[in-house]
Amino acid sequence: MGIQDRDYNRSSYGIGASQGGGRRVFMRSPGWSITIWLIVINIAIHLLAVVVFAPTSNHPNGLLYGLGQLTIFDAFQRLEVWRLVTFQFLHDPNSLMHVGFNMFGLWIFGPMVEDYLGRKKYLAFYLMCGLSGGMLFAILNVLGRYTPLNLLSDGFHTPLIGASAGVFGVIMACAYVSPTTVIRLLFPPISLKMRTLAYGYVGLAAFNLLIGTHNAGGEAAHIGGAIAGYFFIRNSHLLMDFFDIFGDSRQSKPKGKRRSKRSKPMKPGTDAIEASEIDRILDKVSREGLASLSEKEKKTLAQASKRDD
């Protein structure tokens, strides 16, 4: 059995899947990727918020918006800190474009980052970028009220909603994972390198924040998400602790027998690459993403792939 036939290679574990965009995302695995789960959850919550939990006299903005949107008063003065996560799954109830463009961006750019980080770290990465966007929104609001740095002064009761902080972080990660990949924009219809696109988006958000547009709060969240994306894609090992409330990730050990230290080194281009070693490496990719591999493991995987061609 060649490396292309293994189960790891047919699923969304970061090996053998397209890294050029989202066109193949629905064919990547018998199950759903984290990217698809995020898109489905966002759309489902939007429909629930608009249709099922519509505004009432008791909840003028709708029940889900009242419970989940981020305001400085609710999140920090009332200590409803869950709002730093829940606001990421709410969108403007009066605009399909808000949720539509965010989910389209996640569908296009998300698979590349999920392939690189692996499922668990990718989910942690996405949520951290959104959380960082909410934190920068809060920080700039506080600074705008109590210091001369008045970049943002929306008020402590002004809500923040939307997934765009997480999406901005994902786009920044793409600029690191594949900086020279060419992306063709819909509006305007021009082609840009991934790196140019990402930094251009951040520059535009910074400009809009400085001039004080009507969505200055949203632009602050975009920049916060982008900063987190820039940092965590380069320090992805820090994401391992994100879900440690459920257990200590640092104690986890790969299952299976360890290779003896006395084993002879594998010779490039020969049949010395054992199937068990390839399985171990691919299993590591499935858990932790391509970024977790050492140079030796990447070389071993490349040799096996060439041999099976």
C-alpha atoms as a PDB file:
ATOM      1  CA  MET A   1       0.000   0.000   0.000  1.00  0.00           C
ATOM      2  CA  GLY A   2       1.452   3.349  -1.026  1.00  0.00           C
ATOM      3  CA  ILE A   3       1.409   6.493   1.058  1.00  0.00           C
ATOM      4  CA  GLN A   4      -1.339   7.942  -1.154  1.00  0.00           C
ATOM      5  CA  ASP A   5      -3.657   5.058  -0.208  1.00  0.00           C
ATOM      6  CA  ARG A   6      -3.451   5.489   3.555  1.00  0.00           C
ATOM      7  CA  ASP A   7      -6.459   6.708   5.509  1.00  0.00           C
ATOM      8  CA  TYR A   8      -4.559   9.765   6.699  1.00  0.00           C
ATOM      9  CA  ASN A   9      -4.125  10.916   3.136  1.00  0.00           C
ATOM     10  CA  ARG A  10      -7.823  10.687   2.319  1.00  0.00           C
ATOM     11  CA  SER A  11      -8.986  12.798   5.228  1.00  0.00           C
ATOM     12  CA  SER A  12      -8.605  16.389   6.351  1.00  0.00           C
ATOM     13  CA  TYR A  13      -5.512  15.775   8.436  1.00  0.00           C
ATOM     14  CA  GLY A  14      -3.185  18.160   6.655  1.00  0.00           C
ATOM     15  CA  ILE A  15      -1.572  15.811   4.141  1.00  0.00           C
ATOM     16  CA  GLY A  16      -2.647  15.328   0.551  1.00  0.00           C
ATOM     17  CA  ALA A  17      -5.371  17.990   0.627  1.00  0.00           C
ATOM     18  CA  SER A  18      -5.480  21.153  -1.429  1.00  0.00           C
ATOM     19  CA  GLN A  19      -3.776  24.157   0.142  1.00  0.00           C
ATOM     20  CA  GLY A  20      -4.709  26.541  -2.621  1.00  0.00           C
ATOM     21  CA  GLY A  21      -8.145  27.520  -1.397  1.00  0.00           C
ATOM     22  CA  GLY A  22     -11.513  26.182  -0.462  1.00  0.00           C
ATOM     23  CA  ARG A  23     -12.718  24.707  -3.744  1.00  0.00           C
ATOM     24  CA  ARG A  24     -12.195  21.075  -2.651  1.00  0.00           C
ATOM     25  CA  VAL A  25     -13.226  21.522   0.951  1.00  0.00           C
ATOM     26  CA  PHE A  26     -16.429  19.443   0.646  1.00  0.00           C
ATOM     27  CA  MET A  27     -14.486  16.525  -0.882  1.00  0.00           C
ATOM     28  CA  ARG A  28     -11.676  16.464   1.647  1.00  0.00           C
ATOM     29  CA  SER A  29     -13.033  13.961   4.122  1.00  0.00           C
ATOM     30  CA  PRO A  30     -15.889  11.547   4.800  1.00  0.00           C
ATOM     31  CA  GLY A  31     -16.463  13.752   7.860  1.00  0.00           C
ATOM     32  CA  TRP A  32     -16.602  17.498   8.197  1.00  0.00           C
ATOM     33  CA  SER A  33     -13.561  19.652   8.739  1.00  0.00           C
ATOM     34  CA  ILE A  34     -13.449  22.224  11.546  1.00  0.00           C
ATOM     35  CA  THR A  35     -13.833  24.943   8.903  1.00  0.00           C
ATOM     36  CA  ILE A  36     -17.110  23.468   7.680  1.00  0.00           C
ATOM     37  CA  TRP A  37     -18.341  22.995  11.237  1.00  0.00           C
ATOM     38  CA  LEU A  38     -17.623  26.663  11.985  1.00  0.00           C
ATOM     39  CA  ILE A  39     -19.479  27.782   8.860  1.00  0.00           C
ATOM     40  CA  VAL A  40     -22.503  25.608   9.607  1.00  0.00           C
ATOM     41  CA  ILE A  41     -22.632  26.705  13.260  1.00  0.00           C
ATOM     42  CA  ASN A  42     -22.397  30.389  12.321  1.00  0.00           C
ATOM     43  CA  ILE A  43     -25.188  30.107   9.750  1.00  0.00           C
ATOM     44  CA  ALA A  44     -27.385  28.039  12.075  1.00  0.00           C
ATOM     45  CA  ILE A  45     -26.978  30.544  14.929  1.00  0.00           C
ATOM     46  CA  HIS A  46     -27.733  33.423  12.563  1.00  0.00           C
ATOM     47  CA  LEU A  47     -30.969  31.759  11.461  1.00  0.00           C
ATOM     48  CA  LEU A  48     -31.936  31.012  15.051  1.00  0.00           C
ATOM     49  CA  ALA A  49     -31.218  34.568  16.132  1.00  0.00           C
ATOM     50  CA  VAL A  50     -33.190  36.140  13.284  1.00  0.00           C
ATOM     51  CA  VAL A  51     -36.087  33.691  12.840  1.00  0.00           C
ATOM     52  CA  VAL A  52     -36.636  31.750  16.057  1.00  0.00           C
ATOM     53  CA  PHE A  53     -35.417  34.229  18.691  1.00  0.00           C
ATOM     54  CA  ALA A  54     -36.573  37.395  16.947  1.00  0.00           C
ATOM     55  CA  PRO A  55     -36.753  40.698  18.888  1.00  0.00           C
ATOM     56  CA  THR A  56     -39.534  40.954  21.450  1.00  0.00           C
ATOM     57  CA  SER A  57     -40.622  43.526  23.988  1.00  0.00           C
ATOM     58  CA  ASN A  58     -38.571  41.738  26.663  1.00  0.00           C
ATOM     59  CA  HIS A  59     -35.551  41.337  24.363  1.00  0.00           C
ATOM     60  CA  PRO A  60     -35.456  44.297  21.921  1.00  0.00           C
ATOM     61  CA  ASN A  61     -32.382  42.925  20.123  1.00  0.00           C
ATOM     62  CA  GLY A  62     -33.441  39.279  20.274  1.00  0.00           C
ATOM     63  CA  LEU A  63     -32.630  36.733  22.968  1.00  0.00           C
ATOM     64  CA  LEU A  64     -29.372  35.399  21.456  1.00  0.00           C
ATOM     65  CA  TYR A  65     -28.012  38.886  20.833  1.00  0.00           C
ATOM     66  CA  GLY A  66     -28.870  39.905  24.375  1.00  0.00           C
ATOM     67  CA  LEU A  67     -27.006  36.920  25.776  1.00  0.00           C
ATOM     68  CA  GLY A  68     -24.086  36.721  23.357  1.00  0.00           C
ATOM     69  CA  GLN A  69     -23.064  40.089  21.935  1.00  0.00           C
ATOM     70  CA  LEU A  70     -19.936  41.712  23.372  1.00  0.00           C
ATOM     71  CA  THR A  71     -20.181  44.977  25.268  1.00  0.00           C
ATOM     72  CA  ILE A  72     -17.614  46.258  27.734  1.00  0.00           C
ATOM     73  CA  PHE A  73     -20.307  46.735  30.362  1.00  0.00           C
ATOM     74  CA  ASP A  74     -21.588  43.152  30.117  1.00  0.00           C
ATOM     75  CA  ALA A  75     -18.277  41.343  29.617  1.00  0.00           C
ATOM     76  CA  PHE A  76     -16.125  43.189  32.130  1.00  0.00           C
ATOM     77  CA  GLN A  77     -18.326  45.122  34.541  1.00  0.00           C
ATOM     78  CA  ARG A  78     -20.879  42.316  34.873  1.00  0.00           C
ATOM     79  CA  LEU A  79     -18.151  39.651  34.385  1.00  0.00           C
ATOM     80  CA  GLU A  80     -20.018  37.860  31.588  1.00  0.00           C
ATOM     81  CA  VAL A  81     -16.718  36.839  30.050  1.00  0.00           C
ATOM     82  CA  TRP A  82     -18.253  34.178  27.791  1.00  0.00           C
ATOM     83  CA  ARG A  83     -19.208  37.031  25.477  1.00  0.00           C
ATOM     84  CA  LEU A  84     -15.585  37.173  24.263  1.00  0.00           C
ATOM     85  CA  VAL A  85     -16.366  33.883  22.499  1.00  0.00           C
ATOM     86  CA  THR A  86     -20.091  34.070  21.780  1.00  0.00           C
ATOM     87  CA  PHE A  87     -19.929  37.401  19.928  1.00  0.00           C
ATOM     88  CA  GLN A  88     -17.883  35.650  17.254  1.00  0.00           C
ATOM     89  CA  PHE A  89     -20.921  33.585  16.228  1.00  0.00           C
ATOM     90  CA  LEU A  90     -23.427  36.448  15.922  1.00  0.00           C
ATOM     91  CA  HIS A  91     -23.916  38.667  12.861  1.00  0.00           C
ATOM     92  CA  ASP A  92     -25.930  41.689  11.839  1.00  0.00           C
ATOM     93  CA  PRO A  93     -29.570  40.538  11.761  1.00  0.00           C
ATOM     94  CA  ASN A  94     -30.387  43.092   9.073  1.00  0.00           C
ATOM     95  CA  SER A  95     -27.677  42.065   6.616  1.00  0.00           C
ATOM     96  CA  LEU A  96     -27.008  38.753   4.916  1.00  0.00           C
ATOM     97  CA  MET A  97     -23.774  40.232   3.558  1.00  0.00           C
ATOM     98  CA  HIS A  98     -22.236  40.344   7.041  1.00  0.00           C
ATOM     99  CA  VAL A  99     -22.521  36.632   7.717  1.00  0.00           C
ATOM    100  CA  GLY A 100     -22.163  35.771   4.013  1.00  0.00           C
ATOM    101  CA  PHE A 101     -18.823  37.492   3.419  1.00  0.00           C
ATOM    102  CA  ASN A 102     -17.352  36.251   6.691  1.00  0.00           C
ATOM    103  CA  MET A 103     -18.281  32.642   5.945  1.00  0.00           C
ATOM    104  CA  PHE A 104     -17.109  32.929   2.345  1.00  0.00           C
ATOM    105  CA  GLY A 105     -13.723  34.172   3.570  1.00  0.00           C
ATOM    106  CA  LEU A 106     -13.517  31.332   6.084  1.00  0.00           C
ATOM    107  CA  TRP A 107     -14.427  28.784   3.391  1.00  0.00           C
ATOM    108  CA  ILE A 108     -11.699  30.096   1.060  1.00  0.00           C
ATOM    109  CA  PHE A 109      -8.846  30.607   3.528  1.00  0.00           C
ATOM    110  CA  GLY A 110      -9.672  28.303   6.431  1.00  0.00           C
ATOM    111  CA  PRO A 111      -8.683  24.937   4.881  1.00  0.00           C
ATOM    112  CA  MET A 112      -5.090  26.041   4.276  1.00  0.00           C
ATOM    113  CA  VAL A 113      -4.581  26.969   7.911  1.00  0.00           C
ATOM    114  CA  GLU A 114      -6.438  23.901   9.186  1.00  0.00           C
ATOM    115  CA  ASP A 115      -4.172  21.683   7.064  1.00  0.00           C
ATOM    116  CA  TYR A 116      -1.131  23.401   8.505  1.00  0.00           C
ATOM    117  CA  LEU A 117      -2.119  23.413  12.181  1.00  0.00           C
ATOM    118  CA  GLY A 118      -4.308  20.344  12.468  1.00  0.00           C
ATOM    119  CA  ARG A 119      -7.904  20.317  13.673  1.00  0.00           C
ATOM    120  CA  LYS A 120      -7.492  20.984  17.396  1.00  0.00           C
ATOM    121  CA  LYS A 121      -4.893  23.736  17.153  1.00  0.00           C
ATOM    122  CA  TYR A 122      -6.779  25.315  14.240  1.00  0.00           C
ATOM    123  CA  LEU A 123      -9.941  25.640  16.331  1.00  0.00           C
ATOM    124  CA  ALA A 124      -7.907  27.122  19.191  1.00  0.00           C
ATOM    125  CA  PHE A 125      -6.210  29.480  16.725  1.00  0.00           C
ATOM    126  CA  TYR A 126      -9.510  30.690  15.281  1.00  0.00           C
ATOM    127  CA  LEU A 127     -11.090  31.314  18.683  1.00  0.00           C
ATOM    128  CA  MET A 128      -7.968  33.071  19.992  1.00  0.00           C
ATOM    129  CA  CYS A 129      -7.976  35.440  17.015  1.00  0.00           C
ATOM    130  CA  GLY A 130     -11.618  36.289  17.636  1.00  0.00           C
ATOM    131  CA  LEU A 131     -11.006  36.723  21.361  1.00  0.00           C
ATOM    132  CA  SER A 132      -8.043  39.015  20.658  1.00  0.00           C
ATOM    133  CA  GLY A 133     -10.212  41.102  18.358  1.00  0.00           C
ATOM    134  CA  GLY A 134     -12.728  41.539  21.171  1.00  0.00           C
ATOM    135  CA  MET A 135      -9.968  42.460  23.620  1.00  0.00           C
ATOM    136  CA  LEU A 136      -8.516  45.166  21.351  1.00  0.00           C
ATOM    137  CA  PHE A 137     -12.032  46.561  20.841  1.00  0.00           C
ATOM    138  CA  ALA A 138     -12.403  46.777  24.636  1.00  0.00           C
ATOM    139  CA  ILE A 139      -8.929  48.221  25.254  1.00  0.00           C
ATOM    140  CA  LEU A 140      -9.311  50.979  22.676  1.00  0.00           C
ATOM    141  CA  ASN A 141     -12.740  51.874  24.056  1.00  0.00           C
ATOM    142  CA  VAL A 142     -11.334  52.222  27.572  1.00  0.00           C
ATOM    143  CA  LEU A 143      -8.378  54.269  26.312  1.00  0.00           C
ATOM    144  CA  GLY A 144     -10.750  56.453  24.322  1.00  0.00           C
ATOM    145  CA  ARG A 145     -12.756  57.273  27.430  1.00  0.00           C
ATOM    146  CA  TYR A 146      -9.987  57.803  29.964  1.00  0.00           C
ATOM    147  CA  THR A 147      -6.954  58.962  27.936  1.00  0.00           C
ATOM    148  CA  PRO A 148      -6.237  61.401  25.109  1.00  0.00           C
ATOM    149  CA  LEU A 149      -5.816  58.407  22.759  1.00  0.00           C
ATOM    150  CA  ASN A 150      -9.302  58.674  21.332  1.00  0.00           C
ATOM    151  CA  LEU A 151      -9.150  56.168  18.478  1.00  0.00           C
ATOM    152  CA  LEU A 152     -12.315  54.487  19.624  1.00  0.00           C
ATOM    153  CA  SER A 153     -15.007  55.688  21.995  1.00  0.00           C
ATOM    154  CA  ASP A 154     -18.116  53.739  21.007  1.00  0.00           C
ATOM    155  CA  GLY A 155     -19.298  53.543  24.587  1.00  0.00           C
ATOM    156  CA  PHE A 156     -19.362  50.734  27.110  1.00  0.00           C
ATOM    157  CA  HIS A 157     -22.820  49.595  25.984  1.00  0.00           C
ATOM    158  CA  THR A 158     -22.052  49.498  22.253  1.00  0.00           C
ATOM    159  CA  PRO A 159     -22.156  45.867  21.025  1.00  0.00           C
ATOM    160  CA  LEU A 160     -19.584  44.042  18.931  1.00  0.00           C
ATOM    161  CA  ILE A 161     -20.620  41.023  16.862  1.00  0.00           C
ATOM    162  CA  GLY A 162     -19.188  39.029  13.969  1.00  0.00           C
ATOM    163  CA  ALA A 163     -16.631  36.413  12.975  1.00  0.00           C
ATOM    164  CA  SER A 164     -14.407  38.807  11.044  1.00  0.00           C
ATOM    165  CA  ALA A 165     -11.706  39.008  13.749  1.00  0.00           C
ATOM    166  CA  GLY A 166     -11.192  35.245  13.456  1.00  0.00           C
ATOM    167  CA  VAL A 167     -11.283  35.424   9.664  1.00  0.00           C
ATOM    168  CA  PHE A 168      -8.661  38.195   9.639  1.00  0.00           C
ATOM    169  CA  GLY A 169      -6.442  35.998  11.796  1.00  0.00           C
ATOM    170  CA  VAL A 170      -6.879  33.116   9.358  1.00  0.00           C
ATOM    171  CA  ILE A 171      -5.933  35.340   6.407  1.00  0.00           C
ATOM    172  CA  MET A 172      -2.810  36.510   8.241  1.00  0.00           C
ATOM    173  CA  ALA A 173      -1.913  32.866   8.860  1.00  0.00           C
ATOM    174  CA  CYS A 174      -2.279  32.125   5.149  1.00  0.00           C
ATOM    175  CA  ALA A 175       0.243  34.877   4.430  1.00  0.00           C
ATOM    176  CA  TYR A 176       2.739  32.926   6.538  1.00  0.00           C
ATOM    177  CA  VAL A 177       1.859  29.415   5.361  1.00  0.00           C
ATOM    178  CA  SER A 178       1.802  30.232   1.644  1.00  0.00           C
ATOM    179  CA  PRO A 179       2.852  33.857   1.064  1.00  0.00           C
ATOM    180  CA  THR A 180       3.255  33.629  -2.724  1.00  0.00           C
ATOM    181  CA  THR A 181      -0.037  31.884  -3.480  1.00  0.00           C
ATOM    182  CA  VAL A 182      -1.948  34.063  -5.960  1.00  0.00           C
ATOM    183  CA  ILE A 183      -5.523  35.004  -5.060  1.00  0.00           C
ATOM    184  CA  ARG A 184      -7.907  36.522  -7.584  1.00  0.00           C
ATOM    185  CA  LEU A 185     -10.314  38.974  -6.011  1.00  0.00           C
ATOM    186  CA  LEU A 186     -13.933  39.292  -7.063  1.00  0.00           C
ATOM    187  CA  PHE A 187     -14.097  43.056  -6.422  1.00  0.00           C
ATOM    188  CA  PRO A 188     -11.976  44.437  -7.977  1.00  0.00           C
ATOM    189  CA  PRO A 189     -11.109  41.519 -10.319  1.00  0.00           C
ATOM    190  CA  ILE A 190      -7.343  41.602  -9.774  1.00  0.00           C
ATOM    191  CA  SER A 191      -4.781  39.012  -8.709  1.00  0.00           C
ATOM    192  CA  LEU A 192      -2.658  39.461  -5.592  1.00  0.00           C
ATOM    193  CA  LYS A 193      -0.166  37.368  -3.687  1.00  0.00           C
ATOM    194  CA  MET A 194      -1.475  36.082  -0.389  1.00  0.00           C
ATOM    195  CA  ARG A 195       1.021  38.132   1.578  1.00  0.00           C
ATOM    196  CA  THR A 196       0.023  41.335  -0.234  1.00  0.00           C
ATOM    197  CA  LEU A 197      -3.660  40.611   0.271  1.00  0.00           C
ATOM    198  CA  ALA A 198      -3.314  39.978   4.002  1.00  0.00           C
ATOM    199  CA  TYR A 199      -1.190  43.012   4.793  1.00  0.00           C
ATOM    200  CA  GLY A 200      -3.353  45.133   2.514  1.00  0.00           C
ATOM    201  CA  TYR A 201      -6.476  44.169   4.474  1.00  0.00           C
ATOM    202  CA  VAL A 202      -4.785  45.032   7.757  1.00  0.00           C
ATOM    203  CA  GLY A 203      -3.534  48.351   6.386  1.00  0.00           C
ATOM    204  CA  LEU A 204      -7.031  49.252   5.197  1.00  0.00           C
ATOM    205  CA  ALA A 205      -8.505  48.346   8.602  1.00  0.00           C
ATOM    206  CA  ALA A 206      -5.887  50.511  10.345  1.00  0.00           C
ATOM    207  CA  PHE A 207      -6.639  53.429   8.023  1.00  0.00           C
ATOM    208  CA  ASN A 208     -10.388  53.144   8.675  1.00  0.00           C
ATOM    209  CA  LEU A 209      -9.747  53.038  12.418  1.00  0.00           C
ATOM    210  CA  LEU A 210      -7.536  56.134  12.303  1.00  0.00           C
ATOM    211  CA  ILE A 211     -10.029  58.212  10.331  1.00  0.00           C
ATOM    212  CA  GLY A 212     -12.908  57.061  12.523  1.00  0.00           C
ATOM    213  CA  THR A 213     -15.357  55.397  10.158  1.00  0.00           C
ATOM    214  CA  HIS A 214     -18.800  54.280  11.337  1.00  0.00           C
ATOM    215  CA  ASN A 215     -17.421  50.737  11.827  1.00  0.00           C
ATOM    216  CA  ALA A 216     -14.325  51.755  13.775  1.00  0.00           C
ATOM    217  CA  GLY A 217     -15.128  49.194  16.463  1.00  0.00           C
ATOM    218  CA  GLY A 218     -15.236  46.431  13.879  1.00  0.00           C
ATOM    219  CA  GLU A 219     -11.937  47.600  12.406  1.00  0.00           C
ATOM    220  CA  ALA A 220     -10.344  47.438  15.859  1.00  0.00           C
ATOM    221  CA  ALA A 221     -11.511  43.827  16.117  1.00  0.00           C
ATOM    222  CA  HIS A 222     -10.080  43.092  12.659  1.00  0.00           C
ATOM    223  CA  ILE A 223      -6.680  44.417  13.698  1.00  0.00           C
ATOM    224  CA  GLY A 224      -6.768  42.513  16.982  1.00  0.00           C
ATOM    225  CA  GLY A 225      -7.560  39.283  15.131  1.00  0.00           C
ATOM    226  CA  ALA A 226      -4.801  39.922  12.605  1.00  0.00           C
ATOM    227  CA  ILE A 227      -2.219  40.572  15.333  1.00  0.00           C
ATOM    228  CA  ALA A 228      -3.138  37.323  17.057  1.00  0.00           C
ATOM    229  CA  GLY A 229      -3.030  35.468  13.728  1.00  0.00           C
ATOM    230  CA  TYR A 230       0.445  36.834  12.990  1.00  0.00           C
ATOM    231  CA  PHE A 231       1.710  35.762  16.413  1.00  0.00           C
ATOM    232  CA  PHE A 232       0.103  32.349  16.886  1.00  0.00           C
ATOM    233  CA  ILE A 233       0.838  30.966  13.426  1.00  0.00           C
ATOM    234  CA  ARG A 234       4.518  31.518  14.270  1.00  0.00           C
ATOM    235  CA  ASN A 235       4.128  30.137  17.802  1.00  0.00           C
ATOM    236  CA  SER A 236       1.543  27.443  17.266  1.00  0.00           C
ATOM    237  CA  HIS A 237       2.916  25.309  20.116  1.00  0.00           C
ATOM    238  CA  LEU A 238       1.252  27.761  22.521  1.00  0.00           C
ATOM    239  CA  LEU A 239      -2.147  26.693  21.205  1.00  0.00           C
ATOM    240  CA  MET A 240      -1.726  23.222  22.710  1.00  0.00           C
ATOM    241  CA  ASP A 241      -2.784  24.577  26.121  1.00  0.00           C
ATOM    242  CA  PHE A 242      -6.004  26.227  24.895  1.00  0.00           C
ATOM    243  CA  PHE A 243      -8.252  23.284  25.731  1.00  0.00           C
ATOM    244  CA  ASP A 244      -6.345  22.187  28.837  1.00  0.00           C
ATOM    245  CA  ILE A 245      -9.465  22.670  30.916  1.00  0.00           C
ATOM    246  CA  PHE A 246     -10.297  19.143  29.683  1.00  0.00           C
ATOM    247  CA  GLY A 247      -6.853  17.710  30.479  1.00  0.00           C
ATOM    248  CA  ASP A 248      -3.139  18.449  30.338  1.00  0.00           C
ATOM    249  CA  SER A 249      -2.052  18.336  26.686  1.00  0.00           C
ATOM    250  CA  ARG A 250       1.596  18.377  27.722  1.00  0.00           C
ATOM    251  CA  GLN A 251       1.180  14.905  29.207  1.00  0.00           C
ATOM    252  CA  SER A 252      -0.091  13.328  26.006  1.00  0.00           C
ATOM    253  CA  LYS A 253       2.208  10.854  24.318  1.00  0.00           C
ATOM    254  CA  PRO A 254       1.861   9.318  20.872  1.00  0.00           C
ATOM    255  CA  LYS A 255       0.523   5.802  21.048  1.00  0.00           C
ATOM    256  CA  GLY A 256       2.513   2.881  19.720  1.00  0.00           C
ATOM    257  CA  LYS A 257       5.994   1.544  20.194  1.00  0.00           C
ATOM    258  CA  ARG A 258       8.894   3.922  20.236  1.00  0.00           C
ATOM    259  CA  ARG A 259      11.710   3.320  17.856  1.00  0.00           C
ATOM    260  CA  SER A 260      14.850   2.068  19.543  1.00  0.00           C
ATOM    261  CA  LYS A 261      17.641   4.599  19.841  1.00  0.00           C
ATOM    262  CA  ARG A 262      19.938   1.892  18.503  1.00  0.00           C
ATOM    263  CA  SER A 263      18.010   1.553  15.262  1.00  0.00           C
ATOM    264  CA  LYS A 264      20.079   2.172  12.208  1.00  0.00           C
ATOM    265  CA  PRO A 265      19.379   5.456  10.401  1.00  0.00           C
ATOM    266  CA  MET A 266      17.226   5.153   7.294  1.00  0.00           C
ATOM    267  CA  LYS A 267      19.067   5.461   4.009  1.00  0.00           C
ATOM    268  CA  PRO A 268      17.526   7.898   1.502  1.00  0.00           C
ATOM    269  CA  GLY A 269      16.115   6.262  -1.603  1.00  0.00           C
ATOM    270  CA  THR A 270      16.003   2.724  -0.177  1.00  0.00           C
ATOM    271  CA  ASP A 271      13.301   0.477   1.223  1.00  0.00           C
ATOM    272  CA  ALA A 272      14.499   1.101   4.780  1.00  0.00           C
ATOM    273  CA  ILE A 273      11.604   3.486   5.387  1.00  0.00           C
ATOM    274  CA  GLU A 274       9.327   1.284   7.443  1.00  0.00           C
ATOM    275  CA  ALA A 275       5.571   1.426   7.233  1.00  0.00           C
ATOM    276  CA  SER A 276       5.279   1.825  11.011  1.00  0.00           C
ATOM    277  CA  GLU A 277       7.430   4.964  10.934  1.00  0.00           C
ATOM    278  CA  ILE A 278       5.310   6.492   8.159  1.00  0.00           C
ATOM    279  CA  ASP A 279       2.175   5.648  10.114  1.00  0.00           C
ATOM    280  CA  ARG A 280       3.621   7.331  13.188  1.00  0.00           C
ATOM    281  CA  ILE A 281       4.434  10.507  11.259  1.00  0.00           C
ATOM    282  CA  LEU A 282       1.044  10.626   9.558  1.00  0.00           C
ATOM    283  CA  ASP A 283      -0.673  10.050  12.878  1.00  0.00           C
ATOM    284  CA  LYS A 284       1.246  13.005  14.274  1.00  0.00           C
ATOM    285  CA  VAL A 285       0.074  15.129  11.340  1.00  0.00           C
ATOM    286  CA  SER A 286      -3.515  14.057  12.017  1.00  0.00           C
ATOM    287  CA  ARG A 287      -3.267  15.224  15.632  1.00  0.00           C
ATOM    288  CA  GLU A 288      -1.047  18.279  15.434  1.00  0.00           C
ATOM    289  CA  GLY A 289      -0.804  19.409  11.799  1.00  0.00           C
ATOM    290  CA  LEU A 290       2.126  19.738   9.409  1.00  0.00           C
ATOM    291  CA  ALA A 291       3.698  22.480  11.517  1.00  0.00           C
ATOM    292  CA  SER A 292       4.449  19.931  14.256  1.00  0.00           C
ATOM    293  CA  LEU A 293       6.836  17.840  12.116  1.00  0.00           C
ATOM    294  CA  SER A 294      10.577  18.055  12.550  1.00  0.00           C
ATOM    295  CA  GLU A 295      12.823  18.498   9.531  1.00  0.00           C
ATOM    296  CA  LYS A 296      13.803  14.828   9.766  1.00  0.00           C
ATOM    297  CA  GLU A 297      10.154  13.736   9.765  1.00  0.00           C
ATOM    298  CA  LYS A 298       9.354  15.957   6.790  1.00  0.00           C
ATOM    299  CA  LYS A 299      12.313  14.473   4.905  1.00  0.00           C
ATOM    300  CA  THR A 300      11.194  10.941   5.753  1.00  0.00           C
ATOM    301  CA  LEU A 301       7.672  11.670   4.525  1.00  0.00           C
ATOM    302  CA  ALA A 302       8.975  13.206   1.306  1.00  0.00           C
ATOM    303  CA  GLN A 303      11.197  10.184   0.646  1.00  0.00           C
ATOM    304  CA  ALA A 304       8.268   7.806   1.159  1.00  0.00           C
ATOM    305  CA  SER A 305       6.073   9.851  -1.158  1.00  0.00           C
ATOM    306  CA  LYS A 306       8.711   9.816  -3.921  1.00  0.00           C
ATOM    307  CA  ARG A 307       9.193   6.076  -3.527  1.00  0.00           C
ATOM    308  CA  ASP A 308       5.449   5.426  -3.913  1.00  0.00           C
ATOM    309  CA  ASP A 309       5.056   7.634  -7.018  1.00  0.00           C
END
